[in-house]
Amino acid sequence: MARIEEVVKSLPALFKPEKAKGWNRVILLDLQGEEPSKWTLTINDGACAVSEGQASEPKLTISGNSEYICQMFTGETPPMKLVNAKLLRMKGPMMDAIAFSGLWNIPKKA
């Protein structure tokens, strides 16, 4: 299993800027489980930046166990499967939650 720091810091490389035109948001990953931590994703002008901790007031908060975030971004488990199983919770505008999952070039597992 990938460590959460490694996975979260890889997000700018997985980011699809063409999917975020005009979409400027602060997203908080509020994680529990094996590696409890908070991470702020700032999406601004087609770029994604990651910082540890809560940098500012988020528009969207994603909470759950760190291992599920790892599974989502490594392609092990589809994002909607984790959300539908209530393993990850998204708090904020529904349209932002839907848009969030389309912003990443998540590897597909066979």
C-alpha atoms as a PDB file:
ATOM      1  CA  MET A   1       0.000   0.000   0.000  1.00  0.00           C
ATOM      2  CA  ALA A   2       1.287   3.421  -0.919  1.00  0.00           C
ATOM      3  CA  ARG A   3       1.914   5.873   1.873  1.00  0.00           C
ATOM      4  CA  ILE A   4      -0.497   8.798   1.918  1.00  0.00           C
ATOM      5  CA  GLU A   5       2.213  11.459   1.667  1.00  0.00           C
ATOM      6  CA  GLU A   6       3.623   9.854  -1.475  1.00  0.00           C
ATOM      7  CA  VAL A   7       0.157   9.523  -3.044  1.00  0.00           C
ATOM      8  CA  VAL A   8      -0.994  13.053  -2.199  1.00  0.00           C
ATOM      9  CA  LYS A   9       2.259  14.615  -3.400  1.00  0.00           C
ATOM     10  CA  SER A  10       1.831  12.771  -6.726  1.00  0.00           C
ATOM     11  CA  LEU A  11      -1.515  14.508  -7.388  1.00  0.00           C
ATOM     12  CA  PRO A  12      -0.109  17.480  -9.345  1.00  0.00           C
ATOM     13  CA  ALA A  13       1.381  14.959 -11.816  1.00  0.00           C
ATOM     14  CA  LEU A  14      -2.020  13.189 -12.147  1.00  0.00           C
ATOM     15  CA  PHE A  15      -3.911  16.474 -12.541  1.00  0.00           C
ATOM     16  CA  LYS A  16      -5.673  17.155 -15.873  1.00  0.00           C
ATOM     17  CA  PRO A  17      -5.582  20.969 -16.247  1.00  0.00           C
ATOM     18  CA  GLU A  18      -7.851  20.886 -19.311  1.00  0.00           C
ATOM     19  CA  LYS A  19     -10.660  19.580 -17.056  1.00  0.00           C
ATOM     20  CA  ALA A  20     -10.278  22.466 -14.597  1.00  0.00           C
ATOM     21  CA  LYS A  21     -10.654  25.518 -16.850  1.00  0.00           C
ATOM     22  CA  GLY A  22     -12.236  28.242 -14.720  1.00  0.00           C
ATOM     23  CA  TRP A  23     -12.535  25.846 -11.772  1.00  0.00           C
ATOM     24  CA  ASN A  24     -10.656  27.449  -8.875  1.00  0.00           C
ATOM     25  CA  ARG A  25     -11.164  25.607  -5.609  1.00  0.00           C
ATOM     26  CA  VAL A  26      -9.606  24.761  -2.263  1.00  0.00           C
ATOM     27  CA  ILE A  27     -10.161  21.111  -1.340  1.00  0.00           C
ATOM     28  CA  LEU A  28      -9.331  19.620   2.032  1.00  0.00           C
ATOM     29  CA  LEU A  29      -8.439  15.954   2.482  1.00  0.00           C
ATOM     30  CA  ASP A  30      -9.280  15.269   6.146  1.00  0.00           C
ATOM     31  CA  LEU A  31      -7.946  11.766   6.728  1.00  0.00           C
ATOM     32  CA  GLN A  32      -8.131   9.242   9.523  1.00  0.00           C
ATOM     33  CA  GLY A  33      -7.059   5.588   9.632  1.00  0.00           C
ATOM     34  CA  GLU A  34      -3.511   4.299   9.347  1.00  0.00           C
ATOM     35  CA  GLU A  35      -2.057   7.699   8.453  1.00  0.00           C
ATOM     36  CA  PRO A  36      -4.243  10.471   9.891  1.00  0.00           C
ATOM     37  CA  SER A  37      -3.426  13.804   8.290  1.00  0.00           C
ATOM     38  CA  LYS A  38      -4.846  16.860   6.575  1.00  0.00           C
ATOM     39  CA  TRP A  39      -3.857  18.010   3.087  1.00  0.00           C
ATOM     40  CA  THR A  40      -4.964  21.061   1.137  1.00  0.00           C
ATOM     41  CA  LEU A  41      -5.307  20.856  -2.643  1.00  0.00           C
ATOM     42  CA  THR A  42      -5.434  24.250  -4.301  1.00  0.00           C
ATOM     43  CA  ILE A  43      -6.673  24.265  -7.869  1.00  0.00           C
ATOM     44  CA  ASN A  44      -6.152  27.641  -9.486  1.00  0.00           C
ATOM     45  CA  ASP A  45      -5.731  28.772 -13.091  1.00  0.00           C
ATOM     46  CA  GLY A  46      -5.335  25.200 -14.376  1.00  0.00           C
ATOM     47  CA  ALA A  47      -2.696  24.226 -11.820  1.00  0.00           C
ATOM     48  CA  CYS A  48      -2.822  21.965  -8.779  1.00  0.00           C
ATOM     49  CA  ALA A  49      -0.753  22.568  -5.666  1.00  0.00           C
ATOM     50  CA  VAL A  50      -0.612  20.389  -2.551  1.00  0.00           C
ATOM     51  CA  SER A  51       0.274  21.478   0.968  1.00  0.00           C
ATOM     52  CA  GLU A  52       0.238  19.631   4.253  1.00  0.00           C
ATOM     53  CA  GLY A  53      -2.329  20.777   6.792  1.00  0.00           C
ATOM     54  CA  GLN A  54      -5.361  22.989   6.321  1.00  0.00           C
ATOM     55  CA  ALA A  55      -4.171  26.089   4.472  1.00  0.00           C
ATOM     56  CA  SER A  56      -7.490  27.933   4.152  1.00  0.00           C
ATOM     57  CA  GLU A  57     -11.259  27.453   4.212  1.00  0.00           C
ATOM     58  CA  PRO A  58     -12.122  24.623   1.793  1.00  0.00           C
ATOM     59  CA  LYS A  59     -14.964  24.676  -0.715  1.00  0.00           C
ATOM     60  CA  LEU A  60     -15.000  20.848  -0.697  1.00  0.00           C
ATOM     61  CA  THR A  61     -13.903  18.518   2.114  1.00  0.00           C
ATOM     62  CA  ILE A  62     -13.172  14.853   1.479  1.00  0.00           C
ATOM     63  CA  SER A  63     -12.910  12.747   4.595  1.00  0.00           C
ATOM     64  CA  GLY A  64     -12.248   9.086   5.249  1.00  0.00           C
ATOM     65  CA  ASN A  65      -9.406   6.723   5.943  1.00  0.00           C
ATOM     66  CA  SER A  66      -6.060   7.470   4.323  1.00  0.00           C
ATOM     67  CA  GLU A  67      -5.908   3.969   2.826  1.00  0.00           C
ATOM     68  CA  TYR A  68      -9.052   4.677   0.759  1.00  0.00           C
ATOM     69  CA  ILE A  69      -7.500   7.841  -0.703  1.00  0.00           C
ATOM     70  CA  CYS A  70      -4.457   5.732  -1.608  1.00  0.00           C
ATOM     71  CA  GLN A  71      -6.717   3.122  -3.241  1.00  0.00           C
ATOM     72  CA  MET A  72      -8.575   5.814  -5.186  1.00  0.00           C
ATOM     73  CA  PHE A  73      -5.555   7.624  -6.607  1.00  0.00           C
ATOM     74  CA  THR A  74      -3.555   4.478  -7.391  1.00  0.00           C
ATOM     75  CA  GLY A  75      -6.491   3.078  -9.369  1.00  0.00           C
ATOM     76  CA  GLU A  76      -7.039   0.158  -7.013  1.00  0.00           C
ATOM     77  CA  THR A  77     -10.668   1.154  -6.289  1.00  0.00           C
ATOM     78  CA  PRO A  78     -12.881   3.471  -8.399  1.00  0.00           C
ATOM     79  CA  PRO A  79     -13.727   6.764  -6.614  1.00  0.00           C
ATOM     80  CA  MET A  80     -17.506   6.340  -6.897  1.00  0.00           C
ATOM     81  CA  LYS A  81     -17.309   2.846  -5.398  1.00  0.00           C
ATOM     82  CA  LEU A  82     -15.631   4.340  -2.302  1.00  0.00           C
ATOM     83  CA  VAL A  83     -18.189   7.171  -2.088  1.00  0.00           C
ATOM     84  CA  ASN A  84     -21.198   4.883  -2.633  1.00  0.00           C
ATOM     85  CA  ALA A  85     -19.922   2.525   0.077  1.00  0.00           C
ATOM     86  CA  LYS A  86     -19.634   5.592   2.357  1.00  0.00           C
ATOM     87  CA  LEU A  87     -15.923   4.902   2.845  1.00  0.00           C
ATOM     88  CA  LEU A  88     -15.157   8.430   1.609  1.00  0.00           C
ATOM     89  CA  ARG A  89     -17.421  11.375   2.383  1.00  0.00           C
ATOM     90  CA  MET A  90     -17.578  14.595   0.420  1.00  0.00           C
ATOM     91  CA  LYS A  91     -18.912  17.745   2.065  1.00  0.00           C
ATOM     92  CA  GLY A  92     -19.595  20.732  -0.147  1.00  0.00           C
ATOM     93  CA  PRO A  93     -21.446  21.477  -3.381  1.00  0.00           C
ATOM     94  CA  MET A  94     -22.514  18.281  -5.172  1.00  0.00           C
ATOM     95  CA  MET A  95     -21.304  19.656  -8.520  1.00  0.00           C
ATOM     96  CA  ASP A  96     -17.827  20.188  -7.055  1.00  0.00           C
ATOM     97  CA  ALA A  97     -17.776  16.618  -5.737  1.00  0.00           C
ATOM     98  CA  ILE A  98     -18.745  15.289  -9.170  1.00  0.00           C
ATOM     99  CA  ALA A  99     -16.221  17.505 -10.963  1.00  0.00           C
ATOM    100  CA  PHE A 100     -13.443  16.483  -8.544  1.00  0.00           C
ATOM    101  CA  SER A 101     -13.319  12.887  -9.714  1.00  0.00           C
ATOM    102  CA  GLY A 102     -12.848  13.976 -13.349  1.00  0.00           C
ATOM    103  CA  LEU A 103      -9.772  16.092 -12.618  1.00  0.00           C
ATOM    104  CA  TRP A 104      -7.315  13.209 -12.301  1.00  0.00           C
ATOM    105  CA  ASN A 105      -5.581  10.833 -14.655  1.00  0.00           C
ATOM    106  CA  ILE A 106      -6.056   7.844 -12.351  1.00  0.00           C
ATOM    107  CA  PRO A 107      -4.349   4.663 -13.536  1.00  0.00           C
ATOM    108  CA  LYS A 108      -6.661   1.805 -14.451  1.00  0.00           C
ATOM    109  CA  LYS A 109      -5.972  -1.495 -12.716  1.00  0.00           C
ATOM    110  CA  ALA A 110      -6.539  -4.644 -14.740  1.00  0.00           C
END
